[in-house]
Amino acid sequence: MAVKSGVVGGAIESGLMSPTMSNILVGVPFSNIGLGDTVGARYDTTSKTKNHPLTLFSKNKTGSVASAYSDIFYNRILVEPTNIRLGNLISDRAFEIHIFNAYFEEKTFDNIQAYNTEGLSLTGPSVPLTLEPLQEITYDLLATLTGPPQIAAEWAFDFQDTKDDVVIDVTGSRIVLFPYLYKPNMIEMLEWKTSILKSRNGTEQRIKVRQAPRQVLSIETFVGKDEFIRAGNLFYGWRKRDWATPLWTEQRHITSYASTDDLTIYVDTQNGDFFQEGFALIYQNPRSFDVFQISTMTSSSLTMTQGIQNDYDLNSIVVPVKICRMVSNPTRATTGWNAQIKTVFESLTNYDTPAGVASPVQFNGLDVILESQFEMLKTNHNQPVKYEHRIDVTDYGTGVVKYAAPHTYTELVRTVRFFVEDLDNIWDFKKFLHRRAGKVRPFWLPTFEPDFKVTSIGALGPSFLVEDYWHSGQSYQRVHIIVFLNSGSYFFRTIIGADVTASEETEITVDSSMGVDANDIDYISYMGQTRFDTDKIKIKWLQDFKIIADIPTREIKP
């Protein structure tokens, strides 16, 4: 057999194994093996040193048990809930606090410390208390209307030899109901806020400053002998605090009997100030009622956050409730047998637009207000019309007085009366008001007067004759008209020409054919782009769901 020379592979020499480890494996000093040695040189026949077992070195370190999925549920004390947000407390409310010993050994519930708990009570097992493994106990928390207006209470739970101590926070505000029905003629004010920038020629830029209108209620009520002393004490103790104020003007009857602890009552919620997370009242008399917060609602039901405390028959009513403050000092005038109460409330919760604004009649992109719209609007023809134009006077007192009239158009200022009946129509009217947002959004308002007397006979085309009422000379800027027909219908046209004829009549030319017979026309009125001339809309509530609102308007462009 042939003998061949070779070299040792470079695994050890190249550093893949430390010299110490190579001594253990081979048993010879690392330096004894060179790159030029033959394979046979590695098989040394001398005695070997025993280097195993190796000496082990130990070191103590501090650690902890790693968290596991089971620790979410066990090896701790669970307390629920730890934060209770009462919000606006308008009636007594009860809660349960659950404590669960999730350890597999006994634990001691050592102590409970209470802070600022006036008007609140916590009842349950006495402490100190031994909690058995996996034992649950319950405490009952009752929040009452008796106590300071602001609630900021704490209960500190101390558990011995654990890190599970917890603090129960309870916060909220106490609200008292104003429980008396209002007299007719209650005044409801909806108050927007608009900033108007007006150029020299009269062009306006209107800026909506207040996103939601403030709601102010001026009320009067009579209370009997049994109630006016209570009313006096109520004003004395609660004058400076927040009130739960019913909107009695929007009352409606329940449609199904309601019993104690019911969470849902059945009532028509359409066309009323009912809102999710808002408040409502179910009422039988001044001593039997429930005020509740609305958790969810449909068009025919209200579901509350806590069950009612009384039984109610079909004569009971449901009323929206607003959280308010008194903005005037209440007065109570008594004869000894009854008392008259007067005060003013301002809502602390305001809404921008009621849901589902009705689609209005429009012309050239703006709403048109008609007497027949919603069968509810009436103009007050007894109100005077004022014709305003800016006149700048330069008078140094030494000579001729100079005048300048920089505005392009004369502005017509008049008050329009709205008389509305039935809750459905009243709610549509409120939608109309929200759509205007005070002075912000203009609309077309006809004069509702016979501004043109047609002298043409027969079918009318794009041109027709009218008596000369100086349309061409003095009212040439007024070009938008509405034609009312005897049938009750109407249509709009734009005047594109007006010329006086030889017979001293005026020939009116419009943008499209009239398409009707002259005898079919009731009257023709001018229309102008108009806005409300106030941000404060005053609504007077009469009896039997009727309202009157007199609103000043300003025509800003013909």
Protein backbone atom coordinates (compact mmCIF):
# COMPACT_ATOMS: atom_id res chain seq x y z
CA MET A 1 0.00 0.00 0.00
CA ALA A 2 1.42 3.33 -1.00
CA VAL A 3 2.18 5.93 1.66
CA LYS A 4 1.23 9.53 0.79
CA SER A 5 2.03 12.77 2.51
CA GLY A 6 -0.75 15.20 3.55
CA VAL A 7 -1.62 18.13 5.81
CA VAL A 8 -4.18 18.59 8.53
CA GLY A 9 -7.38 20.45 7.44
CA GLY A 10 -7.63 24.05 8.53
CA ALA A 11 -10.76 23.87 10.71
CA ILE A 12 -8.98 24.14 14.05
CA GLU A 13 -6.06 26.22 12.88
CA SER A 14 -8.39 28.70 11.16
CA GLY A 15 -10.07 29.60 14.44
CA LEU A 16 -13.29 27.62 14.27
CA MET A 17 -12.35 25.92 17.51
CA SER A 18 -10.50 27.43 20.44
CA PRO A 19 -7.02 26.10 21.43
CA THR A 20 -8.44 24.97 24.77
CA MET A 21 -11.11 22.88 23.12
CA SER A 22 -8.54 21.42 20.69
CA ASN A 23 -6.40 20.23 23.61
CA ILE A 24 -9.40 18.46 25.05
CA LEU A 25 -10.23 16.70 21.81
CA VAL A 26 -6.72 15.83 20.67
CA GLY A 27 -4.86 15.65 23.94
CA VAL A 28 -1.74 17.47 22.72
CA PRO A 29 -0.69 21.08 22.83
CA PHE A 30 -2.10 23.06 19.95
CA SER A 31 1.38 24.32 19.13
CA ASN A 32 2.59 20.75 18.43
CA ILE A 33 0.57 20.63 15.22
CA GLY A 34 1.79 22.59 12.34
CA LEU A 35 0.50 23.15 8.85
CA GLY A 36 3.26 20.92 7.44
CA ASP A 37 2.73 17.91 9.73
CA THR A 38 1.58 14.68 8.25
CA VAL A 39 -1.62 12.98 9.26
CA GLY A 40 0.26 10.35 11.15
CA ALA A 41 1.84 12.97 13.38
CA ARG A 42 -1.50 13.51 15.10
CA TYR A 43 -1.62 10.03 16.56
CA ASP A 44 0.72 10.54 19.49
CA THR A 45 1.45 7.40 21.52
CA THR A 46 2.50 9.23 24.71
CA SER A 47 0.27 9.19 27.81
CA LYS A 48 -2.68 11.57 27.85
CA THR A 49 -3.88 13.91 30.61
CA LYS A 50 -7.49 13.43 31.69
CA ASN A 51 -9.26 16.78 31.46
CA HIS A 52 -12.86 15.81 32.19
CA PRO A 53 -15.25 16.18 33.82
CA LEU A 54 -14.85 19.94 33.49
CA THR A 55 -15.03 22.17 36.55
CA LEU A 56 -18.43 23.98 36.71
CA PHE A 57 -18.73 27.47 38.12
CA SER A 58 -22.13 28.60 39.62
CA LYS A 59 -23.52 32.11 40.35
CA ASN A 60 -26.69 33.13 42.25
CA LYS A 61 -29.04 35.61 40.48
CA THR A 62 -32.28 37.24 41.58
CA GLY A 63 -35.36 36.63 39.34
CA SER A 64 -39.14 36.42 39.32
CA VAL A 65 -41.76 34.12 37.94
CA ALA A 66 -42.55 35.01 34.34
CA SER A 67 -46.10 36.18 33.63
CA ALA A 68 -48.39 33.69 31.99
CA TYR A 69 -51.75 33.93 30.24
CA SER A 70 -53.47 32.54 33.33
CA ASP A 71 -52.30 35.55 35.37
CA ILE A 72 -54.85 37.68 33.52
CA PHE A 73 -57.52 35.83 35.47
CA TYR A 74 -55.73 34.33 38.48
CA ASN A 75 -53.16 35.19 41.16
CA ARG A 76 -54.66 38.62 41.68
CA ILE A 77 -57.70 40.31 43.19
CA LEU A 78 -60.15 41.60 40.60
CA VAL A 79 -62.36 44.64 41.39
CA GLU A 80 -64.99 45.85 38.92
CA PRO A 81 -65.85 48.63 38.27
CA THR A 82 -63.18 50.97 39.58
CA ASN A 83 -64.37 54.12 37.79
CA ILE A 84 -68.04 55.11 38.02
CA ARG A 85 -69.07 58.10 35.92
CA LEU A 86 -72.51 59.25 37.06
CA GLY A 87 -72.71 62.11 34.56
CA ASN A 88 -75.74 64.27 35.40
CA LEU A 89 -77.46 62.59 38.33
CA ILE A 90 -81.16 63.40 38.06
CA SER A 91 -82.49 60.53 40.20
CA ASP A 92 -81.10 58.00 42.69
CA ARG A 93 -78.89 55.41 41.01
CA ALA A 94 -77.59 52.06 42.29
CA PHE A 95 -74.48 50.15 41.25
CA GLU A 96 -72.80 46.86 42.21
CA ILE A 97 -69.07 46.57 42.89
CA HIS A 98 -67.70 43.02 42.55
CA ILE A 99 -64.54 41.76 44.32
CA PHE A 100 -63.08 38.40 43.28
CA ASN A 101 -60.18 36.67 45.02
CA ALA A 102 -58.49 34.97 42.07
CA TYR A 103 -55.66 33.57 44.22
CA PHE A 104 -55.52 29.88 45.06
CA GLU A 105 -55.07 30.78 48.71
CA GLU A 106 -56.81 32.89 51.33
CA LYS A 107 -56.37 36.67 51.23
CA THR A 108 -57.43 39.30 53.75
CA PHE A 109 -59.59 42.28 52.74
CA ASP A 110 -58.13 44.56 55.38
CA ASN A 111 -59.75 48.00 55.22
CA ILE A 112 -62.01 50.48 53.35
CA GLN A 113 -61.34 54.21 53.54
CA ALA A 114 -63.94 56.71 52.24
CA TYR A 115 -63.33 60.29 50.99
CA ASN A 116 -65.94 62.94 50.01
CA THR A 117 -68.82 60.45 50.00
CA GLU A 118 -71.65 62.71 51.19
CA GLY A 119 -74.91 61.56 49.60
CA LEU A 120 -73.35 58.22 48.62
CA SER A 121 -73.53 54.92 50.49
CA LEU A 122 -71.55 51.68 50.16
CA THR A 123 -73.02 48.59 51.82
CA GLY A 124 -71.68 45.04 51.98
CA PRO A 125 -69.63 42.62 54.15
CA SER A 126 -67.76 44.17 57.07
CA VAL A 127 -63.96 44.37 56.98
CA PRO A 128 -61.48 43.00 57.88
CA LEU A 129 -62.66 39.95 55.97
CA THR A 130 -60.99 36.72 54.92
CA LEU A 131 -61.53 35.95 51.25
CA GLU A 132 -61.46 32.25 50.46
CA PRO A 133 -59.69 31.06 47.30
CA LEU A 134 -61.75 31.99 44.21
CA GLN A 135 -64.43 33.68 46.33
CA GLU A 136 -66.49 36.64 45.04
CA ILE A 137 -68.27 39.25 47.18
CA THR A 138 -70.48 42.20 46.18
CA TYR A 139 -70.89 45.73 47.55
CA ASP A 140 -73.89 47.94 46.72
CA LEU A 141 -73.26 51.60 45.90
CA LEU A 142 -76.19 54.05 46.05
CA ALA A 143 -75.88 57.61 44.72
CA THR A 144 -78.66 59.96 45.89
CA LEU A 145 -79.64 63.54 45.06
CA THR A 146 -78.88 64.60 48.62
CA GLY A 147 -75.45 66.18 48.83
CA PRO A 148 -73.17 68.74 47.14
CA PRO A 149 -73.77 69.56 43.44
CA GLN A 150 -70.40 68.12 42.36
CA ILE A 151 -69.57 64.49 43.16
CA ALA A 152 -65.88 63.51 43.48
CA ALA A 153 -65.83 60.56 45.88
CA GLU A 154 -63.26 57.80 46.51
CA TRP A 155 -63.25 54.48 48.32
CA ALA A 156 -59.78 52.96 48.92
CA PHE A 157 -59.78 49.14 49.20
CA ASP A 158 -56.76 47.72 51.08
CA PHE A 159 -55.87 44.01 50.70
CA GLN A 160 -53.25 42.57 53.07
CA ASP A 161 -49.96 41.18 51.66
CA THR A 162 -50.86 41.86 48.03
CA LYS A 163 -50.20 44.51 45.43
CA ASP A 164 -53.89 44.64 44.51
CA ASP A 165 -54.99 47.70 46.50
CA VAL A 166 -57.46 49.73 44.44
CA VAL A 167 -59.32 53.06 44.58
CA ILE A 168 -62.95 53.32 43.43
CA ASP A 169 -63.56 56.75 41.81
CA VAL A 170 -67.11 58.13 41.61
CA THR A 171 -67.68 61.43 39.79
CA GLY A 172 -70.70 63.34 38.51
CA SER A 173 -73.09 66.26 39.05
CA ARG A 174 -76.40 66.35 40.88
CA ILE A 175 -79.35 67.77 38.92
CA VAL A 176 -82.81 68.60 40.33
CA LEU A 177 -85.99 68.45 38.23
CA PHE A 178 -88.21 71.51 37.84
CA PRO A 179 -91.45 69.51 38.19
CA TYR A 180 -94.15 72.11 37.42
CA LEU A 181 -96.14 72.45 34.19
CA TYR A 182 -95.86 75.79 32.39
CA LYS A 183 -98.66 78.22 31.63
CA PRO A 184 -99.53 78.94 27.96
CA ASN A 185 -97.52 81.69 26.25
CA MET A 186 -94.18 80.28 27.30
CA ILE A 187 -91.41 81.98 25.30
CA GLU A 188 -88.73 79.82 23.66
CA MET A 189 -85.73 81.69 22.26
CA LEU A 190 -83.30 80.13 19.77
CA GLU A 191 -80.15 82.27 19.69
CA TRP A 192 -77.54 82.01 16.93
CA LYS A 193 -74.59 84.37 16.49
CA THR A 194 -73.45 85.81 13.14
CA SER A 195 -70.66 88.20 12.20
CA ILE A 196 -71.48 90.29 9.10
CA LEU A 197 -68.83 92.07 7.03
CA LYS A 198 -70.48 94.61 4.72
CA SER A 199 -68.68 96.25 1.81
CA ARG A 200 -69.26 99.82 0.69
CA ASN A 201 -71.68 98.76 -2.05
CA GLY A 202 -73.75 96.68 0.42
CA THR A 203 -72.47 93.22 -0.46
CA GLU A 204 -72.35 91.01 2.65
CA GLN A 205 -70.07 88.28 3.93
CA ARG A 206 -71.81 86.42 6.76
CA ILE A 207 -69.80 84.26 9.16
CA LYS A 208 -71.43 81.69 11.44
CA VAL A 209 -69.87 82.30 14.86
CA ARG A 210 -71.97 79.98 17.05
CA GLN A 211 -72.28 76.46 15.67
CA ALA A 212 -75.36 75.54 17.71
CA PRO A 213 -78.10 77.90 18.89
CA ARG A 214 -78.62 78.55 22.55
CA GLN A 215 -82.06 77.63 23.83
CA VAL A 216 -83.66 79.92 26.43
CA LEU A 217 -87.03 79.24 28.09
CA SER A 218 -89.01 82.02 29.81
CA ILE A 219 -91.68 80.29 31.86
CA GLU A 220 -94.56 81.02 34.21
CA THR A 221 -96.43 78.47 36.26
CA PHE A 222 -99.05 78.27 39.00
CA VAL A 223 -98.68 75.88 41.93
CA GLY A 224 -101.21 75.05 44.62
CA LYS A 225 -101.04 75.49 48.38
CA ASP A 226 -99.41 72.08 48.89
CA GLU A 227 -96.62 72.88 46.45
CA PHE A 228 -95.61 76.53 46.77
CA ILE A 229 -93.76 75.98 50.07
CA ARG A 230 -91.85 73.11 48.45
CA ALA A 231 -91.12 75.37 45.47
CA GLY A 232 -89.74 78.07 47.76
CA ASN A 233 -87.44 75.60 49.49
CA LEU A 234 -86.38 74.20 46.13
CA PHE A 235 -85.36 77.66 44.89
CA TYR A 236 -83.61 78.45 48.16
CA GLY A 237 -81.46 75.33 48.15
CA TRP A 238 -80.88 74.78 44.44
CA ARG A 239 -80.95 78.27 42.86
CA LYS A 240 -77.26 78.29 41.80
CA ARG A 241 -77.16 74.70 40.54
CA ASP A 242 -78.11 72.92 37.31
CA TRP A 243 -81.73 71.95 36.66
CA ALA A 244 -83.43 69.23 34.65
CA THR A 245 -85.99 71.29 32.75
CA PRO A 246 -88.83 69.49 30.93
CA LEU A 247 -90.00 70.80 27.54
CA TRP A 248 -93.68 70.45 28.43
CA THR A 249 -94.61 71.96 25.07
CA GLU A 250 -93.45 68.72 23.37
CA GLN A 251 -95.27 66.26 25.65
CA ARG A 252 -96.83 63.10 24.25
CA HIS A 253 -98.60 60.07 25.82
CA ILE A 254 -97.00 56.67 26.18
CA THR A 255 -98.43 54.00 23.87
CA SER A 256 -98.05 51.05 26.26
CA TYR A 257 -98.21 50.52 30.03
CA ALA A 258 -94.87 50.91 31.83
CA SER A 259 -93.96 49.02 35.01
CA THR A 260 -91.35 49.33 37.72
CA ASP A 261 -87.84 48.30 36.56
CA ASP A 262 -88.77 48.52 32.87
CA LEU A 263 -85.81 49.67 30.76
CA THR A 264 -87.83 50.52 27.64
CA ILE A 265 -90.92 52.68 27.31
CA TYR A 266 -92.98 52.92 24.15
CA VAL A 267 -93.74 56.40 22.87
CA ASP A 268 -93.66 58.29 19.56
CA THR A 269 -90.26 60.04 19.60
CA GLN A 270 -90.61 61.77 16.24
CA ASN A 271 -90.87 65.55 16.08
CA GLY A 272 -89.36 66.18 19.49
CA ASP A 273 -86.11 67.05 21.26
CA PHE A 274 -85.23 63.43 22.05
CA PHE A 275 -81.56 62.58 21.54
CA GLN A 276 -79.38 59.60 22.33
CA GLU A 277 -77.54 60.22 25.62
CA GLY A 278 -80.01 63.03 26.28
CA PHE A 279 -82.67 63.00 29.00
CA ALA A 280 -86.42 62.48 29.20
CA LEU A 281 -89.18 62.45 31.79
CA ILE A 282 -92.11 60.06 32.23
CA TYR A 283 -94.67 61.89 34.32
CA GLN A 284 -97.91 61.11 36.14
CA ASN A 285 -98.07 63.93 38.75
CA PRO A 286 -95.61 66.16 40.71
CA ARG A 287 -94.97 63.31 43.18
CA SER A 288 -94.85 60.39 40.72
CA PHE A 289 -92.35 60.67 37.87
CA ASP A 290 -89.04 59.29 36.62
CA VAL A 291 -86.26 61.21 34.91
CA PHE A 292 -83.88 59.04 32.92
CA GLN A 293 -81.00 59.15 30.47
CA ILE A 294 -81.64 57.79 26.98
CA SER A 295 -79.20 55.05 25.99
CA THR A 296 -80.83 54.12 22.66
CA MET A 297 -83.96 55.20 20.85
CA THR A 298 -86.17 54.37 17.88
CA SER A 299 -89.07 56.23 16.33
CA SER A 300 -91.43 54.43 18.73
CA SER A 301 -89.43 53.72 21.90
CA LEU A 302 -86.87 55.00 24.38
CA THR A 303 -84.43 52.70 26.19
CA MET A 304 -82.86 54.04 29.36
CA THR A 305 -79.70 53.32 31.32
CA GLN A 306 -81.61 52.34 34.48
CA GLY A 307 -85.10 50.98 35.09
CA ILE A 308 -87.98 53.23 36.16
CA GLN A 309 -89.14 53.22 39.79
CA ASN A 310 -92.92 53.60 39.30
CA ASP A 311 -95.84 52.14 37.33
CA TYR A 312 -97.44 54.29 34.60
CA ASP A 313 -100.77 54.00 32.80
CA LEU A 314 -101.69 55.32 29.34
CA ASN A 315 -102.54 58.77 30.75
CA SER A 316 -98.87 59.29 31.60
CA ILE A 317 -96.82 61.56 29.38
CA VAL A 318 -93.23 61.57 28.17
CA VAL A 319 -91.36 64.86 27.80
CA PRO A 320 -87.86 65.73 26.52
CA VAL A 321 -85.63 67.19 29.24
CA LYS A 322 -82.82 69.73 28.89
CA ILE A 323 -80.11 70.34 31.48
CA CYS A 324 -80.34 74.07 32.21
CA ARG A 325 -79.20 76.83 34.48
CA MET A 326 -81.35 79.70 35.73
CA VAL A 327 -80.29 82.95 34.06
CA SER A 328 -82.73 85.09 36.04
CA ASN A 329 -83.66 85.08 39.70
CA PRO A 330 -86.92 83.17 40.15
CA THR A 331 -89.88 84.94 41.73
CA ARG A 332 -92.77 83.47 43.68
CA ALA A 333 -95.89 85.57 44.27
CA THR A 334 -98.45 83.96 46.56
CA THR A 335 -102.00 84.69 47.66
CA GLY A 336 -101.75 82.21 50.50
CA TRP A 337 -103.72 79.64 48.49
CA ASN A 338 -101.59 79.37 45.38
CA ALA A 339 -98.47 80.92 43.92
CA GLN A 340 -97.27 82.22 40.57
CA ILE A 341 -93.67 81.35 39.67
CA LYS A 342 -91.58 83.07 37.00
CA THR A 343 -88.03 82.30 35.89
CA VAL A 344 -85.78 81.92 32.84
CA PHE A 345 -83.75 78.80 31.99
CA GLU A 346 -80.90 78.46 29.50
CA SER A 347 -80.06 75.02 28.14
CA LEU A 348 -76.52 73.71 28.67
CA THR A 349 -76.87 71.16 25.86
CA ASN A 350 -77.48 72.59 22.40
CA TYR A 351 -77.79 70.92 19.01
CA ASP A 352 -76.91 72.31 15.60
CA THR A 353 -79.64 70.85 13.41
CA PRO A 354 -82.53 68.49 14.13
CA ALA A 355 -82.17 65.29 12.14
CA GLY A 356 -83.90 65.02 8.77
CA VAL A 357 -84.27 68.61 7.59
CA ALA A 358 -87.18 68.72 5.14
CA SER A 359 -86.30 69.38 1.50
CA PRO A 360 -87.60 72.90 0.75
CA VAL A 361 -88.88 74.50 -2.46
CA GLN A 362 -85.90 76.10 -4.23
CA PHE A 363 -85.22 78.64 -6.99
CA ASN A 364 -81.72 79.37 -8.32
CA GLY A 365 -80.16 77.36 -5.47
CA LEU A 366 -81.94 79.14 -2.59
CA ASP A 367 -84.96 78.11 -0.53
CA VAL A 368 -88.28 79.81 -1.33
CA ILE A 369 -90.63 80.65 1.55
CA LEU A 370 -94.31 80.37 0.64
CA GLU A 371 -97.51 81.02 2.59
CA SER A 372 -98.67 77.49 1.82
CA GLN A 373 -95.36 75.74 2.60
CA PHE A 374 -95.97 72.91 5.11
CA GLU A 375 -99.47 74.49 5.43
CA MET A 376 -98.08 76.52 8.28
CA LEU A 377 -96.54 79.84 7.22
CA LYS A 378 -98.49 83.10 7.26
CA THR A 379 -97.15 86.57 6.51
CA ASN A 380 -98.25 89.44 8.68
CA HIS A 381 -99.66 91.99 6.22
CA ASN A 382 -100.22 94.49 9.05
CA GLN A 383 -96.48 94.94 9.58
CA PRO A 384 -94.97 98.01 7.85
CA VAL A 385 -92.26 97.68 5.19
CA LYS A 386 -89.21 99.93 5.58
CA TYR A 387 -87.05 100.84 2.55
CA GLU A 388 -83.45 101.30 3.71
CA HIS A 389 -80.51 102.68 1.76
CA ARG A 390 -77.18 103.83 3.06
CA ILE A 391 -76.84 107.59 2.73
CA ASP A 392 -73.49 109.17 3.62
CA VAL A 393 -73.72 112.86 4.50
CA THR A 394 -70.81 115.30 4.27
CA ASP A 395 -71.63 118.53 6.10
CA TYR A 396 -68.95 120.88 7.43
CA GLY A 397 -71.57 123.45 8.31
CA THR A 398 -70.04 126.06 5.96
CA GLY A 399 -71.78 125.43 2.66
CA VAL A 400 -73.69 122.93 0.59
CA VAL A 401 -74.35 119.54 2.13
CA LYS A 402 -73.17 116.63 -0.01
CA TYR A 403 -74.75 113.21 -0.12
CA ALA A 404 -73.52 109.81 -1.35
CA ALA A 405 -75.47 106.55 -1.72
CA PRO A 406 -72.85 103.81 -2.09
CA HIS A 407 -75.14 100.76 -1.78
CA THR A 408 -76.22 99.09 -5.00
CA TYR A 409 -79.69 98.06 -3.83
CA THR A 410 -82.39 99.41 -1.56
CA GLU A 411 -83.02 96.94 1.28
CA LEU A 412 -86.59 96.03 2.26
CA VAL A 413 -86.99 95.45 6.00
CA ARG A 414 -90.20 93.90 7.30
CA THR A 415 -91.42 91.46 9.93
CA VAL A 416 -92.96 88.16 8.88
CA ARG A 417 -95.37 86.36 11.18
CA PHE A 418 -95.30 82.58 11.28
CA PHE A 419 -98.33 80.84 12.75
CA VAL A 420 -97.88 77.08 13.06
CA GLU A 421 -100.20 74.35 14.35
CA ASP A 422 -99.52 70.72 15.43
CA LEU A 423 -96.25 69.22 16.62
CA ASP A 424 -95.37 67.80 13.21
CA ASN A 425 -95.58 71.21 11.54
CA ILE A 426 -93.89 72.94 14.46
CA TRP A 427 -90.96 70.55 14.21
CA ASP A 428 -90.70 71.22 10.46
CA PHE A 429 -90.71 74.94 11.25
CA LYS A 430 -87.85 74.42 13.70
CA LYS A 431 -85.93 72.60 10.99
CA PHE A 432 -86.51 75.61 8.76
CA LEU A 433 -85.09 77.89 11.48
CA HIS A 434 -82.02 75.69 11.93
CA ARG A 435 -81.52 75.72 8.18
CA ARG A 436 -81.39 79.54 8.28
CA ALA A 437 -78.91 79.54 11.24
CA GLY A 438 -79.93 83.05 12.25
CA LYS A 439 -78.70 85.66 9.76
CA VAL A 440 -76.41 83.29 7.87
CA ARG A 441 -78.41 81.68 5.04
CA PRO A 442 -80.61 83.81 2.73
CA PHE A 443 -83.79 82.66 1.03
CA TRP A 444 -86.30 83.95 -1.54
CA LEU A 445 -89.19 85.81 0.07
CA PRO A 446 -92.09 86.96 -2.16
CA THR A 447 -93.87 90.21 -1.34
CA PHE A 448 -97.20 88.32 -1.47
CA GLU A 449 -98.67 91.45 -3.06
CA PRO A 450 -100.15 92.01 -6.59
CA ASP A 451 -97.08 93.84 -7.92
CA PHE A 452 -98.20 93.38 -11.55
CA LYS A 453 -101.69 93.89 -13.01
CA VAL A 454 -101.86 91.88 -16.25
CA THR A 455 -103.74 93.64 -19.08
CA SER A 456 -103.05 91.03 -21.76
CA ILE A 457 -105.81 88.56 -22.52
CA GLY A 458 -105.72 84.95 -23.62
CA ALA A 459 -102.66 82.70 -23.65
CA LEU A 460 -99.45 84.35 -22.43
CA GLY A 461 -96.10 83.72 -24.06
CA PRO A 462 -92.65 85.09 -23.08
CA SER A 463 -94.01 88.67 -23.29
CA PHE A 464 -97.18 90.16 -21.81
CA LEU A 465 -98.61 93.56 -20.95
CA VAL A 466 -99.17 94.98 -17.48
CA GLU A 467 -100.31 98.33 -16.18
CA ASP A 468 -97.44 100.79 -15.91
CA TYR A 469 -96.49 100.79 -12.23
CA TRP A 470 -93.06 102.31 -13.09
CA HIS A 471 -91.47 98.88 -13.35
CA SER A 472 -89.07 99.92 -16.08
CA GLY A 473 -88.00 103.19 -14.51
CA GLN A 474 -87.87 102.61 -10.75
CA SER A 475 -87.87 98.84 -10.20
CA TYR A 476 -85.65 97.72 -13.07
CA GLN A 477 -83.35 95.94 -10.58
CA ARG A 478 -86.21 93.73 -9.33
CA VAL A 479 -86.22 90.94 -11.92
CA HIS A 480 -87.32 87.78 -10.07
CA ILE A 481 -91.04 87.07 -9.88
CA ILE A 482 -93.38 84.35 -8.70
CA VAL A 483 -96.71 83.75 -10.47
CA PHE A 484 -99.54 82.47 -8.26
CA LEU A 485 -102.39 80.73 -10.08
CA ASN A 486 -106.03 80.41 -9.10
CA SER A 487 -105.51 76.65 -8.77
CA GLY A 488 -103.08 77.21 -5.87
CA SER A 489 -99.97 76.27 -7.87
CA TYR A 490 -97.18 78.67 -8.77
CA PHE A 491 -94.07 79.05 -10.93
CA PHE A 492 -91.02 81.32 -11.12
CA ARG A 493 -89.74 83.57 -13.89
CA THR A 494 -86.92 86.07 -14.42
CA ILE A 495 -87.60 89.40 -16.16
CA ILE A 496 -85.17 90.10 -18.99
CA GLY A 497 -86.88 93.21 -20.34
CA ALA A 498 -89.43 95.90 -19.42
CA ASP A 499 -90.48 98.65 -21.87
CA VAL A 500 -93.24 101.26 -21.76
CA THR A 501 -95.54 101.07 -24.79
CA ALA A 502 -97.33 103.86 -26.65
CA SER A 503 -100.52 102.98 -24.80
CA GLU A 504 -98.70 103.70 -21.49
CA GLU A 505 -98.59 100.05 -20.55
CA THR A 506 -95.43 98.10 -19.73
CA GLU A 507 -94.40 95.12 -21.81
CA ILE A 508 -92.71 92.53 -19.61
CA THR A 509 -90.43 89.94 -21.21
CA VAL A 510 -89.42 86.88 -19.18
CA ASP A 511 -86.81 84.18 -19.66
CA SER A 512 -89.35 81.51 -20.76
CA SER A 513 -92.97 81.40 -21.86
CA MET A 514 -95.61 81.93 -19.19
CA GLY A 515 -97.59 79.02 -20.63
CA VAL A 516 -100.89 79.94 -18.95
CA ASP A 517 -104.00 81.94 -19.79
CA ALA A 518 -104.24 85.41 -18.30
CA ASN A 519 -107.47 84.48 -16.52
CA ASP A 520 -105.65 81.64 -14.68
CA ILE A 521 -103.36 84.09 -12.84
CA ASP A 522 -104.29 85.08 -9.30
CA TYR A 523 -101.45 87.59 -8.82
CA ILE A 524 -97.74 88.11 -9.58
CA SER A 525 -95.25 89.15 -6.88
CA TYR A 526 -91.66 90.25 -6.78
CA MET A 527 -89.17 88.00 -4.95
CA GLY A 528 -85.97 89.14 -3.24
CA GLN A 529 -83.01 87.39 -1.63
CA THR A 530 -83.79 87.83 2.05
CA ARG A 531 -82.24 86.83 5.36
CA PHE A 532 -83.37 87.03 8.95
CA ASP A 533 -82.50 90.41 10.45
CA THR A 534 -81.94 88.91 13.88
CA ASP A 535 -80.05 85.97 15.39
CA LYS A 536 -82.59 85.63 18.21
CA ILE A 537 -85.77 83.87 17.14
CA LYS A 538 -88.65 84.27 19.60
CA ILE A 539 -91.30 81.54 19.61
CA LYS A 540 -94.46 81.98 21.68
CA TRP A 541 -96.16 78.68 22.59
CA LEU A 542 -99.94 78.96 22.72
CA GLN A 543 -102.34 76.27 23.88
CA ASP A 544 -102.95 73.02 22.02
CA PHE A 545 -99.63 72.86 20.16
CA LYS A 546 -99.79 76.24 18.40
CA ILE A 547 -96.99 78.76 18.08
CA ILE A 548 -96.50 82.32 16.81
CA ALA A 549 -93.13 83.72 15.74
CA ASP A 550 -92.65 87.29 14.48
CA ILE A 551 -89.29 87.39 12.72
CA PRO A 552 -87.74 90.56 11.23
CA THR A 553 -86.30 90.04 7.73
CA ARG A 554 -84.05 92.07 5.40
CA GLU A 555 -83.98 91.82 1.60
CA ILE A 556 -80.30 92.10 0.67
CA LYS A 557 -80.58 91.60 -3.10
CA PRO A 558 -83.56 91.72 -5.50
